[in-house]
Protein backbone atom coordinates (compact mmCIF):
# COMPACT_ATOMS: atom_id res chain seq x y z
CA MET A 1 56.98 110.59 146.37
CA HIS A 2 57.20 114.21 145.14
CA GLU A 3 56.27 115.65 148.55
CA LEU A 4 58.30 118.71 147.62
CA TYR A 5 55.75 119.52 144.93
CA THR A 6 52.59 118.55 146.82
CA ALA A 7 52.62 118.70 150.62
CA LEU A 8 55.39 121.32 150.59
CA ALA A 9 54.14 123.41 147.66
CA GLU A 10 53.33 126.38 149.91
CA TYR A 11 56.90 126.27 151.25
CA TYR A 12 58.64 125.75 147.89
CA ASP A 13 59.58 129.39 147.32
CA ALA A 14 61.03 129.64 150.82
CA ILE A 15 63.07 126.45 150.36
CA TYR A 16 64.42 127.71 147.02
CA ARG A 17 64.83 131.34 148.05
CA ARG A 18 68.53 131.43 147.14
CA ARG A 19 67.95 129.95 143.69
CA ALA A 20 65.02 132.32 143.15
CA GLU A 21 67.33 135.26 143.84
CA ARG A 22 69.45 134.17 140.86
CA VAL A 23 66.56 133.73 138.45
CA SER A 24 66.69 137.27 137.04
CA ARG A 25 70.33 136.69 136.02
CA GLU A 26 69.45 133.31 134.54
CA ILE A 27 66.65 134.83 132.46
CA ASP A 28 69.10 137.50 131.24
CA PHE A 29 71.18 134.59 129.92
CA VAL A 30 68.14 132.83 128.45
CA GLU A 31 67.17 135.99 126.60
CA GLU A 32 70.65 136.08 125.07
CA LEU A 33 70.11 132.48 123.95
CA PHE A 34 66.79 133.48 122.39
CA LYS A 35 68.57 136.20 120.39
CA ASN A 36 71.66 134.20 119.42
CA GLU A 37 70.36 130.64 118.98
CA ALA A 38 66.67 130.74 118.06
CA GLU A 39 66.02 131.14 114.34
CA ARG A 40 62.83 133.13 114.86
CA GLU A 41 61.74 135.94 117.15
CA VAL A 42 60.71 134.56 120.53
CA ARG A 43 57.42 135.93 121.77
CA ARG A 44 55.40 132.92 122.91
CA ILE A 45 56.95 130.52 125.43
CA LEU A 46 55.87 127.21 126.95
CA ASP A 47 57.47 126.71 130.37
CA LEU A 48 57.37 123.00 131.26
CA ALA A 49 57.52 121.81 134.87
CA CYS A 50 56.89 125.44 135.82
CA GLY A 51 56.23 124.69 139.50
CA THR A 52 55.33 127.79 141.48
CA GLY A 53 56.27 129.92 138.49
CA ILE A 54 59.54 131.47 139.65
CA PRO A 55 61.08 131.67 136.12
CA THR A 56 57.64 131.77 134.47
CA LEU A 57 56.68 135.01 136.17
CA GLU A 58 60.04 136.58 135.34
CA LEU A 59 59.58 135.75 131.65
CA ALA A 60 56.06 137.20 131.69
CA ARG A 61 57.29 140.31 133.51
CA ARG A 62 59.66 140.90 130.59
CA GLY A 63 56.80 140.91 128.13
CA TYR A 64 56.71 137.36 126.79
CA GLN A 65 53.42 135.52 126.33
CA VAL A 66 53.94 132.54 128.63
CA THR A 67 52.05 129.32 129.25
CA GLY A 68 53.15 127.35 132.31
CA LEU A 69 52.53 123.62 132.60
CA ASP A 70 53.12 121.45 135.65
CA LEU A 71 52.12 117.99 136.84
CA HIS A 72 51.12 119.15 140.32
CA GLU A 73 48.04 121.26 140.91
CA GLU A 74 49.36 122.26 144.35
CA MET A 75 52.30 124.06 142.72
CA LEU A 76 50.09 125.69 140.12
CA ALA A 77 47.78 127.08 142.81
CA VAL A 78 50.75 128.97 144.25
CA ALA A 79 51.85 130.12 140.79
CA ARG A 80 48.40 131.44 139.90
CA ARG A 81 48.15 133.35 143.16
CA LYS A 82 51.55 134.95 142.62
CA ALA A 83 50.77 135.90 139.01
CA GLU A 84 47.46 137.47 140.03
CA GLY A 85 49.17 139.41 142.80
CA LYS A 86 51.67 140.84 140.30
CA GLY A 87 49.03 141.56 137.64
CA LEU A 88 50.58 139.13 135.15
CA ASN A 89 48.45 137.35 132.56
CA ILE A 90 49.82 133.79 132.46
CA GLU A 91 47.97 130.64 131.46
CA PHE A 92 48.78 127.82 133.88
CA ILE A 93 47.84 124.28 132.85
CA GLN A 94 47.93 121.07 134.87
CA GLY A 95 49.37 118.26 132.79
CA ASN A 96 52.14 115.81 132.01
CA ALA A 97 54.98 117.13 129.86
CA LEU A 98 55.01 113.80 127.99
CA GLU A 99 51.37 114.18 126.99
CA ILE A 100 51.16 117.76 125.72
CA ASP A 101 49.33 118.09 122.42
CA PHE A 102 50.44 121.53 121.23
CA ASP A 103 51.16 121.67 117.51
CA LYS A 104 53.74 124.24 116.35
CA GLU A 105 52.41 126.90 118.75
CA PHE A 106 55.51 128.19 120.55
CA ASP A 107 58.68 130.06 119.65
CA ALA A 108 60.47 128.62 122.68
CA VAL A 109 60.02 125.87 125.25
CA THR A 110 61.83 126.09 128.59
CA MET A 111 62.43 123.69 131.46
CA PHE A 112 64.20 125.05 134.53
CA PHE A 113 65.45 123.87 137.93
CA SER A 114 66.93 120.55 136.65
CA SER A 115 63.43 119.18 135.96
CA ILE A 116 64.74 117.31 132.91
CA MET A 117 66.48 114.91 135.32
CA TYR A 118 63.15 113.31 136.23
CA PHE A 119 63.08 111.71 132.76
CA ASP A 120 65.05 108.52 132.14
CA ASP A 121 66.60 107.83 128.73
CA SER A 122 63.33 106.39 127.42
CA ALA A 123 61.04 109.10 128.78
CA ILE A 124 63.40 111.86 127.68
CA GLN A 125 62.93 110.71 124.08
CA GLU A 126 59.17 111.17 124.55
CA LEU A 127 59.81 114.57 126.10
CA PHE A 128 61.94 115.69 123.15
CA ASN A 129 59.23 114.48 120.75
CA SER A 130 56.58 116.48 122.62
CA VAL A 131 58.76 119.59 122.71
CA ASN A 132 59.60 119.30 119.02
CA GLN A 133 55.91 119.04 118.18
CA ALA A 134 55.09 122.12 120.29
CA LEU A 135 57.79 124.29 118.69
CA LYS A 136 57.46 126.32 115.53
CA GLN A 137 60.19 125.85 112.93
CA GLY A 138 63.34 127.61 114.11
CA GLY A 139 62.09 127.61 117.71
CA VAL A 140 64.38 126.73 120.60
CA PHE A 141 64.22 124.39 123.60
CA ILE A 142 66.27 125.40 126.67
CA ALA A 143 66.73 123.21 129.75
CA ASP A 144 69.27 123.30 132.57
CA PHE A 145 70.81 120.30 134.34
CA PRO A 146 73.65 119.95 136.87
CA CYS A 147 77.07 118.37 136.68
CA TRP A 148 77.16 115.54 139.21
CA ASP A 149 80.75 114.76 140.22
CA TYR A 150 80.54 111.14 141.36
CA SER A 151 83.63 111.40 143.54
CA TYR A 152 82.00 114.09 145.67
CA TYR A 153 79.38 111.66 146.92
CA TYR A 154 81.90 109.14 148.20
CA LYS A 155 83.76 111.47 150.56
CA GLY A 156 81.10 111.70 153.22
CA GLN A 157 80.57 115.38 152.39
CA ASN A 158 77.12 115.16 150.87
CA ASN A 159 75.02 116.39 153.81
CA VAL A 160 73.95 120.02 153.58
CA VAL A 161 71.91 121.70 156.34
CA TRP A 162 70.47 125.21 156.24
CA ASP A 163 67.64 127.35 157.60
CA GLU A 164 64.99 129.43 155.87
CA ARG A 165 61.91 131.26 157.07
CA LYS A 166 58.31 131.52 155.89
CA GLY A 167 56.49 134.12 157.92
CA ASP A 168 56.87 133.18 161.57
CA GLU A 169 57.82 129.58 160.74
CA ARG A 170 61.41 128.33 160.65
CA LEU A 171 62.43 125.73 158.08
CA VAL A 172 65.36 123.45 158.90
CA ILE A 173 66.38 121.65 155.71
CA THR A 174 68.78 118.73 155.35
CA ASP A 175 69.82 117.52 151.89
CA TRP A 176 71.81 114.47 150.90
CA ARG A 177 72.24 112.38 147.78
CA GLU A 178 72.99 108.77 147.01
CA VAL A 179 74.37 107.81 143.60
CA GLU A 180 74.12 104.46 141.79
CA PRO A 181 77.02 104.72 139.30
CA ALA A 182 76.07 101.59 137.33
CA THR A 183 72.60 102.91 136.54
CA GLN A 184 73.39 106.64 136.73
CA LYS A 185 70.53 107.10 139.15
CA LEU A 186 70.62 109.84 141.76
CA HIS A 187 68.49 109.50 144.89
CA PHE A 188 67.76 113.05 146.01
CA LYS A 189 66.75 113.07 149.67
CA ARG A 190 65.60 116.04 151.70
CA LEU A 191 64.29 116.33 155.25
CA VAL A 192 62.24 119.47 155.80
CA GLN A 193 61.38 120.31 159.41
CA ILE A 194 58.87 123.12 159.89
CA VAL A 195 59.21 124.69 163.35
CA LYS A 196 56.11 126.58 164.49
CA PRO A 197 56.33 129.62 166.81
CA ASP A 198 55.12 127.46 169.71
CA GLY A 199 58.01 125.05 169.18
CA SER A 200 55.99 122.25 167.60
CA VAL A 201 57.56 120.58 164.56
CA ARG A 202 56.18 119.07 161.36
CA ALA A 203 58.57 116.97 159.31
CA PHE A 204 58.45 115.91 155.66
CA MET A 205 60.77 113.47 153.91
CA VAL A 206 61.51 113.93 150.19
CA ASP A 207 62.95 110.90 148.37
CA ASP A 208 63.06 111.35 144.59
CA GLU A 209 64.89 109.31 141.96
CA LEU A 210 66.60 111.39 139.29
CA ASN A 211 68.68 110.55 136.24
CA ILE A 212 72.27 111.66 135.72
CA TYR A 213 73.31 112.85 132.26
CA THR A 214 76.72 113.92 131.04
CA VAL A 215 77.02 116.68 128.44
CA ARG A 216 77.86 114.11 125.78
CA GLU A 217 74.87 111.90 126.66
CA MET A 218 72.46 114.82 126.63
CA ARG A 219 73.77 115.99 123.27
CA LEU A 220 73.48 112.53 121.70
CA LEU A 221 69.92 112.08 122.97
CA ALA A 222 68.82 115.51 121.78
CA GLU A 223 70.45 115.16 118.35
CA LYS A 224 67.88 112.52 117.45
CA HIS A 225 65.07 115.06 117.70
CA PHE A 226 66.46 118.52 116.93
CA ARG A 227 68.29 120.02 113.98
CA ARG A 228 70.95 121.89 115.95
CA ILE A 229 72.31 121.34 119.48
CA LYS A 230 74.57 123.43 121.67
CA ILE A 231 75.35 123.08 125.37
CA TYR A 232 76.50 126.00 127.50
CA GLY A 233 78.02 126.04 130.97
CA ASP A 234 77.36 128.31 133.95
CA LEU A 235 75.72 131.15 131.98
CA HIS A 236 78.57 131.20 129.47
CA GLU A 237 80.35 129.07 126.90
CA LEU A 238 81.10 125.53 128.13
CA ARG A 239 84.12 125.14 130.40
CA PRO A 240 85.58 122.08 132.23
CA SER A 241 84.87 123.60 135.65
CA ASP A 242 81.14 124.22 135.06
CA ARG A 243 78.71 122.92 137.68
CA ARG A 244 75.51 123.55 135.69
CA TYR A 245 74.77 123.02 132.00
CA TRP A 246 72.21 124.51 129.62
CA LEU A 247 70.89 122.43 126.74
CA VAL A 248 69.94 124.57 123.73
CA ALA A 249 68.14 122.65 120.96
CA VAL A 250 66.77 124.25 117.80
CA LYS A 251 63.99 122.70 115.74
């Protein structure tokens, strides 16, 4: 369980290279949300489930005071090394997002890369409570999550295979997903094969259970904990064709 964030932590940035290339544009959008939706100036940010710090470092590079928190020390070790290499002063903390004890310390809390999907409808209530407690009045919580079109997964088109590289190693990655419509559970499965220069192969199997939320469900859950809710689409106002959503919740 969670091999992607433990055994494969050193390969995470290579696996997500294409998403990482879009992060600067995503943070441009997030900064617009800070200006337009937050009811206070955003200077101090808590980045939950920060992983190897791909968005965290970009926020810090733009001058924000950022604290990154993640459950997996293996990911944080990579994040700390990257931040040090770039001369960025970021506090990275190992911990569970459901157990944070910050009290009105942050102007914004962020959660990127669909991490909110790891929380079922009970745990997500705990998450929203924790986030609300960590935010100052008028602060904003921003989290992205994907649109999962159920019909897509029943057409036999859910296998995706691609290559990446890390140094002289080749990564062959196969993704597929299995959906349980009755429970709205998504089984995210990934086979990562690491091919060494000598031709030897190491293989890792990722098998994580995620939770599917519609826009309406996410809004209803968040409304119990925040004063104002808005959901955006693919870096713009919500549209029917959007494939990724952005929850914006103001304390």
